[in-house]
């Protein structure tokens, strides 16, 4: 397979392409049960917003961490859970930083164009959440390089928990249901992050990242996952 294709596939974590529209649409479908207004046209549009928006976040993740990601290339133990071909596309030269940044801009532009077709103020809600989430993603990537308490993890997964809420707000309002959906999903996002940190322990150790597992070990991560799951 062409190296560039493999690189873009890992950059986009393309084997999980279906998950992000489903997650985003779960919020939209919840809103239709509250407000009505369901339409197949809107469902497809919302699914595409979720797809383009989340994929842009993956590209941003790799672009911000491109220097640190180079540290685990020689380890030879890069997990294929998130990257089906086991590559670090940017530091390995499969995708240039300039092309990765261009792809990020293209994906964001596609999402923004679709968001703009949503009725106001719903378009504003979704756009604000998108901008806030990208800011949190950058904070998460930078903060976990130097921390002694997992603030990056606690703050950084707010964006993941807000993702289905953004789907809800595409036709719904910021009401009690939206808040409860966020409060329901946030502990799940944290438990999921703990599982990811377990899987990526060798890679994160090589990159010098202070994750839940590198900070608290495997037993501490198990408690993290169990605690948030129990919520």
C-alpha atoms as a PDB file:
ATOM      1  CA  UNK A   1       0.000   0.000   0.000  1.00  0.00           C
ATOM      2  CA  UNK A   2       1.174   3.509  -0.802  1.00  0.00           C
ATOM      3  CA  UNK A   3       3.026   5.075   2.148  1.00  0.00           C
ATOM      4  CA  UNK A   4       1.038   8.309   1.881  1.00  0.00           C
ATOM      5  CA  UNK A   5      -2.257   6.415   2.067  1.00  0.00           C
ATOM      6  CA  UNK A   6      -1.057   4.574   5.164  1.00  0.00           C
ATOM      7  CA  UNK A   7       0.054   7.860   6.683  1.00  0.00           C
ATOM      8  CA  UNK A   8      -3.248   9.636   6.105  1.00  0.00           C
ATOM      9  CA  UNK A   9      -5.169   6.593   7.340  1.00  0.00           C
ATOM     10  CA  UNK A  10      -3.252   6.694  10.642  1.00  0.00           C
ATOM     11  CA  UNK A  11      -3.421  10.484  10.840  1.00  0.00           C
ATOM     12  CA  UNK A  12      -7.221  10.311  10.602  1.00  0.00           C
ATOM     13  CA  UNK A  13      -7.558   7.064  12.637  1.00  0.00           C
ATOM     14  CA  UNK A  14      -9.758   6.134   9.714  1.00  0.00           C
ATOM     15  CA  UNK A  15     -10.750   2.675  10.967  1.00  0.00           C
ATOM     16  CA  UNK A  16     -12.890   4.433  13.589  1.00  0.00           C
ATOM     17  CA  UNK A  17     -14.541   6.730  11.021  1.00  0.00           C
ATOM     18  CA  UNK A  18     -18.057   5.494  11.876  1.00  0.00           C
ATOM     19  CA  UNK A  19     -17.810   6.168  15.620  1.00  0.00           C
ATOM     20  CA  UNK A  20     -17.748   9.973  15.539  1.00  0.00           C
ATOM     21  CA  UNK A  21     -20.895  10.492  13.417  1.00  0.00           C
ATOM     22  CA  UNK A  22     -22.726   7.949  15.599  1.00  0.00           C
ATOM     23  CA  UNK A  23     -21.646   9.747  18.775  1.00  0.00           C
ATOM     24  CA  UNK A  24     -22.577  13.174  17.415  1.00  0.00           C
ATOM     25  CA  UNK A  25     -25.894  11.917  16.041  1.00  0.00           C
ATOM     26  CA  UNK A  26     -26.796  10.399  19.408  1.00  0.00           C
ATOM     27  CA  UNK A  27     -27.121  13.947  20.710  1.00  0.00           C
ATOM     28  CA  UNK A  28     -29.154  15.011  17.694  1.00  0.00           C
ATOM     29  CA  UNK A  29     -31.526  12.054  18.061  1.00  0.00           C
ATOM     30  CA  UNK A  30     -31.940  12.776  21.772  1.00  0.00           C
ATOM     31  CA  UNK A  31     -32.909  16.342  20.853  1.00  0.00           C
ATOM     32  CA  UNK A  32     -35.507  15.091  18.374  1.00  0.00           C
ATOM     33  CA  UNK A  33     -37.139  13.088  21.173  1.00  0.00           C
ATOM     34  CA  UNK A  34     -37.436  16.332  23.161  1.00  0.00           C
ATOM     35  CA  UNK A  35     -38.186  18.880  20.438  1.00  0.00           C
ATOM     36  CA  UNK A  36     -39.355  16.783  17.499  1.00  0.00           C
ATOM     37  CA  UNK A  37     -38.087  18.217  14.185  1.00  0.00           C
ATOM     38  CA  UNK A  38     -36.438  15.004  12.965  1.00  0.00           C
ATOM     39  CA  UNK A  39     -35.426  14.863   9.313  1.00  0.00           C
ATOM     40  CA  UNK A  40     -33.137  12.519   7.396  1.00  0.00           C
ATOM     41  CA  UNK A  41     -31.527  15.513   5.696  1.00  0.00           C
ATOM     42  CA  UNK A  42     -30.555  17.004   9.048  1.00  0.00           C
ATOM     43  CA  UNK A  43     -29.362  13.621  10.313  1.00  0.00           C
ATOM     44  CA  UNK A  44     -26.944  13.238   7.392  1.00  0.00           C
ATOM     45  CA  UNK A  45     -25.778  16.831   7.801  1.00  0.00           C
ATOM     46  CA  UNK A  46     -25.180  16.402  11.516  1.00  0.00           C
ATOM     47  CA  UNK A  47     -23.324  13.134  10.874  1.00  0.00           C
ATOM     48  CA  UNK A  48     -20.974  14.925   8.462  1.00  0.00           C
ATOM     49  CA  UNK A  49     -20.387  17.740  10.963  1.00  0.00           C
ATOM     50  CA  UNK A  50     -19.418  15.148  13.542  1.00  0.00           C
ATOM     51  CA  UNK A  51     -17.142  13.334  11.123  1.00  0.00           C
ATOM     52  CA  UNK A  52     -15.287  16.376   9.803  1.00  0.00           C
ATOM     53  CA  UNK A  53     -15.063  18.021  13.224  1.00  0.00           C
ATOM     54  CA  UNK A  54     -13.672  15.013  15.066  1.00  0.00           C
ATOM     55  CA  UNK A  55     -11.256  14.046  12.304  1.00  0.00           C
ATOM     56  CA  UNK A  56      -9.899  17.593  12.376  1.00  0.00           C
ATOM     57  CA  UNK A  57      -9.241  17.092  16.091  1.00  0.00           C
ATOM     58  CA  UNK A  58      -7.120  14.018  15.363  1.00  0.00           C
ATOM     59  CA  UNK A  59      -5.033  15.939  12.846  1.00  0.00           C
ATOM     60  CA  UNK A  60      -4.623  18.806  15.314  1.00  0.00           C
ATOM     61  CA  UNK A  61      -3.523  16.287  17.953  1.00  0.00           C
ATOM     62  CA  UNK A  62      -0.726  14.936  15.746  1.00  0.00           C
ATOM     63  CA  UNK A  63       0.311  18.372  14.495  1.00  0.00           C
ATOM     64  CA  UNK A  64       0.725  19.801  17.998  1.00  0.00           C
ATOM     65  CA  UNK A  65       2.618  16.699  19.197  1.00  0.00           C
ATOM     66  CA  UNK A  66       4.711  16.154  16.054  1.00  0.00           C
ATOM     67  CA  UNK A  67       8.068  16.748  17.776  1.00  0.00           C
ATOM     68  CA  UNK A  68       7.261  14.590  20.803  1.00  0.00           C
ATOM     69  CA  UNK A  69       5.799  11.822  18.644  1.00  0.00           C
ATOM     70  CA  UNK A  70       9.209  11.339  17.045  1.00  0.00           C
ATOM     71  CA  UNK A  71      10.520   9.969  20.350  1.00  0.00           C
ATOM     72  CA  UNK A  72       8.643   6.670  20.144  1.00  0.00           C
ATOM     73  CA  UNK A  73       9.296   5.860  16.476  1.00  0.00           C
ATOM     74  CA  UNK A  74      12.309   3.733  17.391  1.00  0.00           C
ATOM     75  CA  UNK A  75      10.566   1.937  20.236  1.00  0.00           C
ATOM     76  CA  UNK A  76       8.819  -0.400  17.779  1.00  0.00           C
ATOM     77  CA  UNK A  77       5.864  -0.917  20.102  1.00  0.00           C
ATOM     78  CA  UNK A  78       3.434   1.686  18.791  1.00  0.00           C
ATOM     79  CA  UNK A  79      -0.028   0.312  19.421  1.00  0.00           C
ATOM     80  CA  UNK A  80      -2.326  -0.237  16.453  1.00  0.00           C
ATOM     81  CA  UNK A  81      -5.481   0.422  18.437  1.00  0.00           C
ATOM     82  CA  UNK A  82      -5.711   4.027  17.281  1.00  0.00           C
ATOM     83  CA  UNK A  83      -3.382   3.691  14.269  1.00  0.00           C
ATOM     84  CA  UNK A  84      -4.154   0.668  12.160  1.00  0.00           C
ATOM     85  CA  UNK A  85      -0.777   0.767  10.373  1.00  0.00           C
ATOM     86  CA  UNK A  86       1.178   1.649  13.525  1.00  0.00           C
ATOM     87  CA  UNK A  87       2.756   4.828  12.150  1.00  0.00           C
ATOM     88  CA  UNK A  88       3.449   8.330  13.384  1.00  0.00           C
ATOM     89  CA  UNK A  89       2.686   9.957  10.005  1.00  0.00           C
ATOM     90  CA  UNK A  90       4.220  13.402  10.544  1.00  0.00           C
ATOM     91  CA  UNK A  91       7.570  12.583  12.229  1.00  0.00           C
ATOM     92  CA  UNK A  92       8.023   9.568   9.949  1.00  0.00           C
ATOM     93  CA  UNK A  93       7.657  11.785   6.902  1.00  0.00           C
ATOM     94  CA  UNK A  94       4.542  10.062   5.548  1.00  0.00           C
ATOM     95  CA  UNK A  95       2.631  13.333   5.827  1.00  0.00           C
ATOM     96  CA  UNK A  96       4.428  16.671   5.968  1.00  0.00           C
ATOM     97  CA  UNK A  97       3.545  19.158   8.740  1.00  0.00           C
ATOM     98  CA  UNK A  98       2.391  21.624   6.096  1.00  0.00           C
ATOM     99  CA  UNK A  99       0.030  19.091   4.509  1.00  0.00           C
ATOM    100  CA  UNK A 100      -1.270  18.022   7.922  1.00  0.00           C
ATOM    101  CA  UNK A 101      -2.026  21.641   8.814  1.00  0.00           C
ATOM    102  CA  UNK A 102      -3.690  22.111   5.438  1.00  0.00           C
ATOM    103  CA  UNK A 103      -5.824  19.026   6.016  1.00  0.00           C
ATOM    104  CA  UNK A 104      -6.835  20.346   9.434  1.00  0.00           C
ATOM    105  CA  UNK A 105      -7.927  23.655   7.900  1.00  0.00           C
ATOM    106  CA  UNK A 106      -9.828  21.829   5.148  1.00  0.00           C
ATOM    107  CA  UNK A 107     -11.686  19.603   7.614  1.00  0.00           C
ATOM    108  CA  UNK A 108     -12.530  22.538   9.880  1.00  0.00           C
ATOM    109  CA  UNK A 109     -13.750  24.547   6.883  1.00  0.00           C
ATOM    110  CA  UNK A 110     -16.010  21.684   5.789  1.00  0.00           C
ATOM    111  CA  UNK A 111     -17.457  21.416   9.297  1.00  0.00           C
ATOM    112  CA  UNK A 112     -17.958  25.196   9.589  1.00  0.00           C
ATOM    113  CA  UNK A 113     -19.745  25.387   6.237  1.00  0.00           C
ATOM    114  CA  UNK A 114     -22.170  22.689   7.361  1.00  0.00           C
ATOM    115  CA  UNK A 115     -22.591  24.270  10.792  1.00  0.00           C
ATOM    116  CA  UNK A 116     -23.482  27.561   9.112  1.00  0.00           C
ATOM    117  CA  UNK A 117     -26.513  25.881   7.529  1.00  0.00           C
ATOM    118  CA  UNK A 118     -27.966  25.148  10.965  1.00  0.00           C
ATOM    119  CA  UNK A 119     -30.574  27.658  12.147  1.00  0.00           C
ATOM    120  CA  UNK A 120     -29.375  30.373  14.531  1.00  0.00           C
ATOM    121  CA  UNK A 121     -28.663  30.228  17.474  1.00  0.00           C
ATOM    122  CA  UNK A 122     -27.965  26.495  17.101  1.00  0.00           C
ATOM    123  CA  UNK A 123     -25.178  27.156  14.611  1.00  0.00           C
ATOM    124  CA  UNK A 124     -23.589  29.461  17.173  1.00  0.00           C
ATOM    125  CA  UNK A 125     -23.805  26.848  19.926  1.00  0.00           C
ATOM    126  CA  UNK A 126     -22.124  24.185  17.819  1.00  0.00           C
ATOM    127  CA  UNK A 127     -19.447  26.539  16.509  1.00  0.00           C
ATOM    128  CA  UNK A 128     -18.543  27.740  20.009  1.00  0.00           C
ATOM    129  CA  UNK A 129     -18.261  24.164  21.257  1.00  0.00           C
ATOM    130  CA  UNK A 130     -16.024  23.281  18.301  1.00  0.00           C
ATOM    131  CA  UNK A 131     -13.661  26.203  18.935  1.00  0.00           C
ATOM    132  CA  UNK A 132     -13.612  25.508  22.681  1.00  0.00           C
ATOM    133  CA  UNK A 133     -12.912  21.818  22.070  1.00  0.00           C
ATOM    134  CA  UNK A 134      -9.945  22.518  19.790  1.00  0.00           C
ATOM    135  CA  UNK A 135      -8.540  24.880  22.430  1.00  0.00           C
ATOM    136  CA  UNK A 136      -8.919  22.153  25.055  1.00  0.00           C
ATOM    137  CA  UNK A 137      -7.223  19.656  22.740  1.00  0.00           C
ATOM    138  CA  UNK A 138      -4.161  21.890  22.436  1.00  0.00           C
ATOM    139  CA  UNK A 139      -4.156  22.440  26.209  1.00  0.00           C
ATOM    140  CA  UNK A 140      -4.366  18.683  26.779  1.00  0.00           C
ATOM    141  CA  UNK A 141      -1.460  17.919  24.451  1.00  0.00           C
ATOM    142  CA  UNK A 142       0.798  20.625  25.888  1.00  0.00           C
ATOM    143  CA  UNK A 143      -0.105  20.308  29.565  1.00  0.00           C
ATOM    144  CA  UNK A 144       0.481  16.560  29.843  1.00  0.00           C
ATOM    145  CA  UNK A 145       4.118  17.055  28.881  1.00  0.00           C
ATOM    146  CA  UNK A 146       4.838  18.603  32.286  1.00  0.00           C
ATOM    147  CA  UNK A 147       2.419  17.935  35.120  1.00  0.00           C
ATOM    148  CA  UNK A 148       2.393  16.167  38.478  1.00  0.00           C
ATOM    149  CA  UNK A 149      -1.407  16.035  38.715  1.00  0.00           C
ATOM    150  CA  UNK A 150      -3.556  14.882  35.755  1.00  0.00           C
ATOM    151  CA  UNK A 151      -5.132  18.291  35.110  1.00  0.00           C
ATOM    152  CA  UNK A 152      -4.691  17.780  31.363  1.00  0.00           C
ATOM    153  CA  UNK A 153      -6.794  14.626  31.517  1.00  0.00           C
ATOM    154  CA  UNK A 154      -9.501  16.158  33.717  1.00  0.00           C
ATOM    155  CA  UNK A 155      -9.830  19.255  31.546  1.00  0.00           C
ATOM    156  CA  UNK A 156      -9.000  17.706  28.198  1.00  0.00           C
ATOM    157  CA  UNK A 157     -11.855  15.201  28.202  1.00  0.00           C
ATOM    158  CA  UNK A 158     -14.409  17.970  28.580  1.00  0.00           C
ATOM    159  CA  UNK A 159     -14.202  18.287  24.795  1.00  0.00           C
ATOM    160  CA  UNK A 160     -15.049  14.602  24.304  1.00  0.00           C
ATOM    161  CA  UNK A 161     -18.028  14.915  26.660  1.00  0.00           C
ATOM    162  CA  UNK A 162     -19.207  18.055  24.855  1.00  0.00           C
ATOM    163  CA  UNK A 163     -19.124  16.335  21.461  1.00  0.00           C
ATOM    164  CA  UNK A 164     -22.538  14.579  21.696  1.00  0.00           C
ATOM    165  CA  UNK A 165     -23.904  17.672  23.459  1.00  0.00           C
ATOM    166  CA  UNK A 166     -22.995  19.666  20.350  1.00  0.00           C
ATOM    167  CA  UNK A 167     -25.083  17.199  18.357  1.00  0.00           C
ATOM    168  CA  UNK A 168     -27.958  17.844  20.764  1.00  0.00           C
ATOM    169  CA  UNK A 169     -27.600  21.606  20.385  1.00  0.00           C
ATOM    170  CA  UNK A 170     -27.739  21.379  16.591  1.00  0.00           C
ATOM    171  CA  UNK A 171     -31.544  21.572  17.012  1.00  0.00           C
ATOM    172  CA  UNK A 172     -31.958  21.716  20.788  1.00  0.00           C
ATOM    173  CA  UNK A 173     -31.344  24.373  23.413  1.00  0.00           C
ATOM    174  CA  UNK A 174     -28.851  24.467  26.310  1.00  0.00           C
ATOM    175  CA  UNK A 175     -31.359  22.996  28.747  1.00  0.00           C
ATOM    176  CA  UNK A 176     -31.321  20.523  31.642  1.00  0.00           C
ATOM    177  CA  UNK A 177     -31.281  17.564  29.261  1.00  0.00           C
ATOM    178  CA  UNK A 178     -28.108  18.850  27.588  1.00  0.00           C
ATOM    179  CA  UNK A 179     -26.458  19.338  30.988  1.00  0.00           C
ATOM    180  CA  UNK A 180     -27.453  15.885  32.192  1.00  0.00           C
ATOM    181  CA  UNK A 181     -26.155  14.340  28.970  1.00  0.00           C
ATOM    182  CA  UNK A 182     -22.799  16.044  29.545  1.00  0.00           C
ATOM    183  CA  UNK A 183     -22.691  14.883  33.178  1.00  0.00           C
ATOM    184  CA  UNK A 184     -23.537  11.352  32.055  1.00  0.00           C
ATOM    185  CA  UNK A 185     -20.897  11.238  29.338  1.00  0.00           C
ATOM    186  CA  UNK A 186     -17.991  12.944  31.132  1.00  0.00           C
ATOM    187  CA  UNK A 187     -17.204  10.034  33.510  1.00  0.00           C
ATOM    188  CA  UNK A 188     -17.349   7.645  30.559  1.00  0.00           C
ATOM    189  CA  UNK A 189     -14.878   9.876  28.682  1.00  0.00           C
ATOM    190  CA  UNK A 190     -12.509   9.768  31.664  1.00  0.00           C
ATOM    191  CA  UNK A 191     -12.774   5.988  32.004  1.00  0.00           C
ATOM    192  CA  UNK A 192     -12.116   5.680  28.274  1.00  0.00           C
ATOM    193  CA  UNK A 193      -9.061   7.920  28.601  1.00  0.00           C
ATOM    194  CA  UNK A 194      -7.713   5.735  31.411  1.00  0.00           C
ATOM    195  CA  UNK A 195      -8.048   2.668  29.181  1.00  0.00           C
ATOM    196  CA  UNK A 196      -6.237   4.508  26.383  1.00  0.00           C
ATOM    197  CA  UNK A 197      -3.424   5.438  28.754  1.00  0.00           C
ATOM    198  CA  UNK A 198      -3.034   1.771  29.695  1.00  0.00           C
ATOM    199  CA  UNK A 199      -2.824   0.787  26.027  1.00  0.00           C
ATOM    200  CA  UNK A 200      -0.382   3.587  25.176  1.00  0.00           C
ATOM    201  CA  UNK A 201       1.833   3.265  28.259  1.00  0.00           C
ATOM    202  CA  UNK A 202       5.038   2.322  26.397  1.00  0.00           C
ATOM    203  CA  UNK A 203       4.540   5.051  23.800  1.00  0.00           C
ATOM    204  CA  UNK A 204       3.752   7.720  26.406  1.00  0.00           C
ATOM    205  CA  UNK A 205       6.764   6.700  28.507  1.00  0.00           C
ATOM    206  CA  UNK A 206       9.029   7.013  25.466  1.00  0.00           C
ATOM    207  CA  UNK A 207       7.613  10.463  24.715  1.00  0.00           C
ATOM    208  CA  UNK A 208       7.924  11.617  28.321  1.00  0.00           C
ATOM    209  CA  UNK A 209       4.201  12.237  28.707  1.00  0.00           C
ATOM    210  CA  UNK A 210       2.670  12.446  32.183  1.00  0.00           C
ATOM    211  CA  UNK A 211      -0.497  10.437  31.706  1.00  0.00           C
ATOM    212  CA  UNK A 212      -2.637   8.679  34.303  1.00  0.00           C
ATOM    213  CA  UNK A 213      -0.620   5.492  33.871  1.00  0.00           C
ATOM    214  CA  UNK A 214       2.847   7.076  33.878  1.00  0.00           C
ATOM    215  CA  UNK A 215       1.865   9.106  36.953  1.00  0.00           C
ATOM    216  CA  UNK A 216       0.021   6.458  38.990  1.00  0.00           C
ATOM    217  CA  UNK A 217       0.980   3.132  37.448  1.00  0.00           C
ATOM    218  CA  UNK A 218      -1.297   0.313  36.361  1.00  0.00           C
ATOM    219  CA  UNK A 219      -3.047  -0.085  39.710  1.00  0.00           C
ATOM    220  CA  UNK A 220      -3.730   3.648  39.908  1.00  0.00           C
ATOM    221  CA  UNK A 221      -5.118   3.628  36.364  1.00  0.00           C
ATOM    222  CA  UNK A 222      -7.364   0.686  37.243  1.00  0.00           C
ATOM    223  CA  UNK A 223      -8.752   2.703  40.154  1.00  0.00           C
ATOM    224  CA  UNK A 224      -9.205   5.704  37.828  1.00  0.00           C
ATOM    225  CA  UNK A 225     -11.197   3.595  35.356  1.00  0.00           C
ATOM    226  CA  UNK A 226     -13.243   1.888  38.069  1.00  0.00           C
ATOM    227  CA  UNK A 227     -13.968   5.157  39.871  1.00  0.00           C
ATOM    228  CA  UNK A 228     -15.221   7.013  36.810  1.00  0.00           C
ATOM    229  CA  UNK A 229     -17.117   3.959  35.572  1.00  0.00           C
ATOM    230  CA  UNK A 230     -18.864   3.757  38.919  1.00  0.00           C
ATOM    231  CA  UNK A 231     -20.082   7.327  38.551  1.00  0.00           C
END
